[in-house]
């Protein structure tokens, strides 16, 4: 059969093919629901790299063996951004941290695929999920744009914008890359390149995922970041690809973290001082506190909610025993958070 004949023949019906074998919701939750999907954002020198590096010290303090650790870092920042933090990494873990220095979209995708291969092998060998870290999401968004321009127009992003500057009305009003391409019909393809062909693949990986991003001004009054005035830089839908979003700040020699998204929790904790502390440990202790106060929802409940499953009602049997004493009732009452520490 020629290639032309194979193309024109009637395609096989996907309805008759069993390509995916289902797993129970309980098994799916057990397999992937406990992995981390975190994004931290903030200005330069607010501790974004230090935050994910602090995960390693946290794991050491929990007694995790070095062979159970593997962290793959896709790194597009200046080398000193991480090399100066080597002393913060437990020495026995140093050979368990792999760095992929990248400069363009091709290296980004290739490094992601290679990191996934290492993490798959690590999971098969140890039964533990490793970490994949992607630094500076805004740089990867630009890399996707540059890749598209090189393929579509044979020029780099900067060269293409320079030539179009005088002819594009949007560039006269706003010199940002987004305005430069807006209205040309290029954005659906660029988004496809960045989203479907790269970051959405990471989103579905059953590993611990960590993203960092700089800040971008936020003027949307309906945004969860409106009170801050900034959102994570990069493709705007990235915030939907993670479970946890933390804002990092540095002012007057004080480093702090503040959550803007905590999937699985009914409330957020307030701003926390992490100066001279293990930032990831502070974050985990804050989550533990929320759980003790009864503000954590179960992973199963979240998955059921996303799947549109209504859990069965549980019948409460009437107690025939005499009422407990007032002191006992008081002890059973759930402790409410203090406003100055645990913000709603």
Foldseek 3Di string as FASTA:
>chain_A
DDPVVVVPDDDDDPVPDDPDDDDDLVVVCVQFVPAFFEEEEEAPPLCQLVQVQLVQVVVVVVVDDLLLEAEEEEDADDPCVPVVCPVVHPPSNVVRYHYQHDDAQVSQQVSVVVVLVVQVVSCVVPVHFYEYEYEAQQNNLQRLVQVLCCVPPVDGLVVVLVVCCVPQPQNVVPVDSCSSCPPVPCVVVSCCSSDVVPDVVVLPDSHHYYYYFYWDADDDPPDLCNVVRIDGHHDPCVVVSGQWYWYWDADPQWIWIFTSGHPQFQFGWGIDTQRVHNVNVVVVVRVVVSVQLPGGHDSSVSVCVVVVHDDDDDDDDDDPDDDDDPVVVVVPDRDDDDCVTGPD
